[in-house]
Every structure is written in structure tokens, then in C-alpha cells.
N, C-alpha and C. Protein backbone atom coordinates (compact mmCIF):
# COMPACT_ATOMS: atom_id res chain seq x y z
N GLY A 1 33.56 18.60 29.44
CA GLY A 1 33.19 18.56 28.17
C GLY A 1 31.83 17.82 27.93
N GLU A 2 31.37 17.81 26.70
CA GLU A 2 30.06 17.19 26.38
C GLU A 2 30.15 15.72 26.64
N GLY A 3 31.16 15.08 26.17
CA GLY A 3 31.29 13.64 26.44
C GLY A 3 31.17 13.28 27.92
N ASN A 4 31.76 14.05 28.73
CA ASN A 4 31.67 13.73 30.14
C ASN A 4 30.30 13.71 30.75
N ASN A 5 29.42 14.64 30.27
CA ASN A 5 28.08 14.70 30.71
C ASN A 5 27.33 13.40 30.40
N ILE A 6 27.50 13.04 29.10
CA ILE A 6 26.88 11.81 28.55
C ILE A 6 27.38 10.58 29.42
N THR A 7 28.69 10.60 29.65
CA THR A 7 29.29 9.42 30.39
C THR A 7 28.75 9.40 31.78
N SER A 8 28.73 10.61 32.49
CA SER A 8 28.34 10.52 33.83
C SER A 8 26.77 10.16 34.03
N ALA A 9 25.98 10.67 32.99
CA ALA A 9 24.63 10.32 33.02
C ALA A 9 24.40 8.81 32.82
N LEU A 10 25.20 8.30 31.95
CA LEU A 10 25.13 6.67 31.68
C LEU A 10 25.53 6.02 32.96
N VAL A 11 26.60 6.45 33.56
CA VAL A 11 27.13 5.73 34.77
C VAL A 11 26.03 5.77 35.87
N GLU A 12 25.43 6.97 35.98
CA GLU A 12 24.36 7.23 37.04
C GLU A 12 23.17 6.32 36.61
N GLN A 13 22.81 6.20 35.39
CA GLN A 13 21.70 5.49 34.91
C GLN A 13 21.89 3.96 35.31
N MET A 14 23.05 3.47 34.98
CA MET A 14 23.43 2.05 35.31
C MET A 14 23.41 1.78 36.80
N ARG A 15 23.96 2.81 37.56
CA ARG A 15 23.93 2.72 38.96
C ARG A 15 22.58 2.53 39.51
N GLY A 16 21.73 3.39 39.03
CA GLY A 16 20.26 3.46 39.45
C GLY A 16 19.56 2.14 39.18
N LYS A 17 19.83 1.62 37.94
CA LYS A 17 19.11 0.44 37.53
C LYS A 17 19.54 -0.74 38.38
N ILE A 18 20.86 -0.83 38.68
CA ILE A 18 21.43 -1.98 39.45
C ILE A 18 20.80 -1.84 40.91
N ALA A 19 20.83 -0.63 41.47
CA ALA A 19 20.44 -0.35 42.83
C ALA A 19 18.96 -0.83 42.94
N GLU A 20 18.13 -0.45 41.89
CA GLU A 20 16.73 -0.74 41.96
C GLU A 20 16.48 -2.31 41.64
N GLY A 21 17.12 -2.73 40.67
CA GLY A 21 16.82 -4.10 40.32
C GLY A 21 17.24 -5.18 41.33
N LEU A 22 18.32 -4.88 42.06
CA LEU A 22 18.74 -5.84 42.95
C LEU A 22 18.62 -5.35 44.41
N GLU A 23 17.81 -4.23 44.61
CA GLU A 23 17.64 -3.68 45.97
C GLU A 23 18.96 -3.62 46.75
N ALA A 24 19.92 -3.08 46.07
CA ALA A 24 21.28 -3.11 46.53
C ALA A 24 21.49 -2.17 47.69
N ASP A 25 22.38 -2.56 48.63
CA ASP A 25 22.81 -1.70 49.71
C ASP A 25 23.76 -0.66 49.18
N ALA A 26 24.56 -1.13 48.23
CA ALA A 26 25.58 -0.17 47.64
C ALA A 26 25.87 -0.57 46.22
N VAL A 27 26.11 0.45 45.40
CA VAL A 27 26.43 0.23 43.94
C VAL A 27 27.49 1.24 43.60
N ASP A 28 28.67 0.73 43.08
CA ASP A 28 29.58 1.63 42.59
C ASP A 28 29.91 1.32 41.14
N VAL A 29 29.68 2.30 40.28
CA VAL A 29 29.98 2.07 38.82
C VAL A 29 31.07 3.13 38.50
N ARG A 30 32.16 2.55 38.09
CA ARG A 30 33.31 3.47 37.70
C ARG A 30 33.67 3.38 36.26
N ASP A 31 33.76 4.63 35.69
CA ASP A 31 34.16 4.70 34.23
C ASP A 31 35.69 4.59 34.15
N GLU A 32 36.10 3.49 33.52
CA GLU A 32 37.50 3.26 33.50
C GLU A 32 38.29 3.86 32.29
N SER A 33 37.46 4.27 31.32
CA SER A 33 38.10 4.70 30.07
C SER A 33 37.84 6.12 29.68
N GLY A 34 36.92 6.87 30.44
CA GLY A 34 36.66 8.29 30.11
C GLY A 34 35.50 8.39 29.10
N ASN A 35 35.02 7.28 28.62
CA ASN A 35 33.86 7.43 27.65
C ASN A 35 32.87 6.39 28.04
N ALA A 36 32.96 5.71 29.21
CA ALA A 36 32.05 4.59 29.60
C ALA A 36 32.12 3.39 28.75
N ARG A 37 33.05 3.21 27.86
CA ARG A 37 33.16 2.02 27.09
C ARG A 37 33.54 0.81 27.99
N HIS A 38 34.44 1.13 29.00
CA HIS A 38 34.88 0.18 29.93
C HIS A 38 34.55 0.68 31.42
N VAL A 39 33.86 -0.07 32.09
CA VAL A 39 33.49 0.26 33.43
C VAL A 39 33.84 -0.80 34.41
N SER A 40 33.93 -0.46 35.71
CA SER A 40 33.98 -1.51 36.66
C SER A 40 32.84 -1.32 37.69
N ILE A 41 32.31 -2.40 38.14
CA ILE A 41 31.08 -2.36 38.93
C ILE A 41 31.23 -3.04 40.27
N LYS A 42 30.87 -2.50 41.36
CA LYS A 42 30.82 -3.13 42.70
C LYS A 42 29.37 -3.06 43.25
N VAL A 43 28.92 -4.20 43.57
CA VAL A 43 27.48 -4.25 44.18
C VAL A 43 27.40 -4.90 45.40
N VAL A 44 26.74 -4.43 46.33
CA VAL A 44 26.51 -5.13 47.69
C VAL A 44 24.94 -5.33 47.71
N SER A 45 24.59 -6.57 47.78
CA SER A 45 23.08 -6.84 47.78
C SER A 45 22.78 -8.15 48.47
N LYS A 46 21.68 -8.12 49.19
CA LYS A 46 21.15 -9.31 49.89
C LYS A 46 20.78 -10.36 48.85
N ALA A 47 20.31 -9.83 47.66
CA ALA A 47 19.87 -10.69 46.55
C ALA A 47 20.96 -11.77 46.17
N PHE A 48 22.20 -11.53 46.51
CA PHE A 48 23.28 -12.41 46.10
C PHE A 48 23.47 -13.56 47.05
N GLU A 49 22.70 -13.55 48.19
CA GLU A 49 22.90 -14.62 49.13
C GLU A 49 22.52 -16.00 48.49
N GLY A 50 23.41 -16.91 48.79
CA GLY A 50 23.31 -18.25 48.20
C GLY A 50 23.43 -18.46 46.73
N LYS A 51 23.96 -17.43 45.98
CA LYS A 51 24.14 -17.53 44.64
C LYS A 51 25.69 -17.63 44.29
N SER A 52 26.00 -18.38 43.27
CA SER A 52 27.40 -18.43 42.74
C SER A 52 27.71 -17.08 42.15
N SER A 53 29.09 -16.93 42.06
CA SER A 53 29.67 -15.58 41.53
C SER A 53 29.08 -15.50 40.03
N VAL A 54 29.03 -16.57 39.36
CA VAL A 54 28.49 -16.45 37.93
C VAL A 54 27.12 -15.96 37.82
N ASN A 55 26.30 -16.56 38.76
CA ASN A 55 24.87 -16.12 38.80
C ASN A 55 24.73 -14.69 39.35
N ARG A 56 25.59 -14.34 40.20
CA ARG A 56 25.54 -12.91 40.69
C ARG A 56 25.84 -11.93 39.60
N GLN A 57 26.83 -12.30 38.79
CA GLN A 57 27.19 -11.45 37.71
C GLN A 57 26.12 -11.32 36.63
N ARG A 58 25.43 -12.52 36.46
CA ARG A 58 24.37 -12.49 35.52
C ARG A 58 23.18 -11.63 35.93
N MET A 59 22.98 -11.62 37.25
CA MET A 59 21.87 -10.77 37.77
C MET A 59 22.15 -9.23 37.50
N VAL A 60 23.50 -8.92 37.69
CA VAL A 60 23.88 -7.50 37.50
C VAL A 60 23.79 -7.20 35.97
N TYR A 61 24.28 -8.00 35.11
CA TYR A 61 24.23 -7.84 33.70
C TYR A 61 22.79 -7.63 33.27
N LYS A 62 21.87 -8.37 33.80
CA LYS A 62 20.50 -8.32 33.41
C LYS A 62 19.94 -6.90 33.66
N CYS A 63 20.42 -6.29 34.73
CA CYS A 63 19.83 -4.86 35.07
C CYS A 63 20.39 -3.92 34.05
N ILE A 64 21.53 -4.12 33.50
CA ILE A 64 22.06 -3.12 32.52
C ILE A 64 22.28 -3.56 31.12
N TRP A 65 21.33 -4.53 30.76
CA TRP A 65 21.33 -5.09 29.44
C TRP A 65 21.28 -4.14 28.37
N MET A 66 20.43 -3.04 28.47
CA MET A 66 20.28 -2.08 27.43
C MET A 66 21.58 -1.36 27.22
N GLU A 67 22.21 -0.93 28.30
CA GLU A 67 23.48 -0.11 28.19
C GLU A 67 24.53 -0.95 27.60
N LEU A 68 24.52 -2.28 27.87
CA LEU A 68 25.61 -3.13 27.33
C LEU A 68 25.37 -3.30 25.84
N GLN A 69 24.17 -3.25 25.31
CA GLN A 69 23.89 -3.28 23.88
C GLN A 69 24.40 -2.03 23.21
N ASP A 70 24.44 -0.99 23.97
CA ASP A 70 24.70 0.32 23.39
C ASP A 70 26.00 0.84 23.54
N GLN A 71 26.20 1.73 24.58
CA GLN A 71 27.44 2.34 24.78
C GLN A 71 28.63 1.51 25.46
N VAL A 72 28.22 0.76 26.44
CA VAL A 72 29.22 0.01 27.21
C VAL A 72 29.72 -1.14 26.47
N HIS A 73 30.98 -1.34 26.34
CA HIS A 73 31.63 -2.45 25.57
C HIS A 73 32.11 -3.55 26.56
N ALA A 74 32.59 -3.20 27.65
CA ALA A 74 33.18 -4.10 28.51
C ALA A 74 33.00 -3.72 30.02
N VAL A 75 32.85 -4.73 30.82
CA VAL A 75 32.95 -4.48 32.26
C VAL A 75 34.31 -5.10 32.72
N ASN A 76 35.23 -4.28 32.95
CA ASN A 76 36.59 -4.70 33.25
C ASN A 76 36.63 -5.62 34.55
N GLU A 77 35.90 -5.09 35.60
CA GLU A 77 35.90 -5.76 36.84
C GLU A 77 34.39 -5.79 37.41
N MET A 78 34.03 -6.89 37.97
CA MET A 78 32.79 -6.87 38.60
C MET A 78 32.94 -7.54 40.07
N VAL A 79 32.59 -6.76 41.05
CA VAL A 79 32.68 -7.32 42.45
C VAL A 79 31.28 -7.40 42.97
N THR A 80 30.83 -8.69 43.36
CA THR A 80 29.50 -8.86 43.89
C THR A 80 29.56 -9.46 45.20
N LEU A 81 28.91 -8.71 46.20
CA LEU A 81 29.11 -9.10 47.62
C LEU A 81 27.83 -9.10 48.32
N THR A 82 27.53 -9.93 49.23
CA THR A 82 26.45 -9.86 50.14
C THR A 82 26.77 -8.84 51.25
N PRO A 83 25.84 -8.36 51.98
CA PRO A 83 26.09 -7.41 53.06
C PRO A 83 27.13 -8.03 54.07
N GLU A 84 26.93 -9.31 54.32
CA GLU A 84 27.88 -10.05 55.31
C GLU A 84 29.28 -10.07 54.66
N GLU A 85 29.40 -10.40 53.39
CA GLU A 85 30.77 -10.51 52.82
C GLU A 85 31.44 -9.13 52.81
N ALA A 86 30.59 -8.12 52.67
CA ALA A 86 31.15 -6.74 52.49
C ALA A 86 31.59 -6.20 53.83
N SER A 87 31.04 -6.66 54.92
CA SER A 87 31.30 -6.02 56.28
C SER A 87 32.61 -6.56 56.83
């Protein structure tokens, strides 16, 4: 459907912004609600080294600030890992 195209484009856009902004090794953005209102995000990045989980989440939110103002209403789950933590 039309909605799904918009949703997957939005999810891809967020994924790309996070990957670029945090030079991430891996980014997974999952649409939990079928319309990208609720997403869960998993990011593996060296940028998280030495950062608290609150600061890590802030870094991710900063990358997708625009999307959060617009379509996305909630991030249900956010997992932030360094490459070491992920391995």
C-alpha cells in the first residue's frame, strides 16, 4: 500500500541519518506500528565509547530530530552498543 512506501522510506531515511551521523557499524530501525509512529532502534557505533546510556540515546535522537518532530511519535526501544559490547 501507499502508506507502507512512505513508512519504509522514512525508516530508511532515519537509518541512513543515524549511520552517517554516528559513523555506525550497524543500524537497525524497526517500524513497530505499521505507520512508523512507533519504532525501535538498535545502533552499534564506536562513537558510544565512554558515554552513558542517556548520552548515547541523546546522540541518536539528535540524528533523527526532524523525523521525531514530524511522523515518528515514539521510540519504543533503543539499544545502543559499542562494537565491543555488541560482539
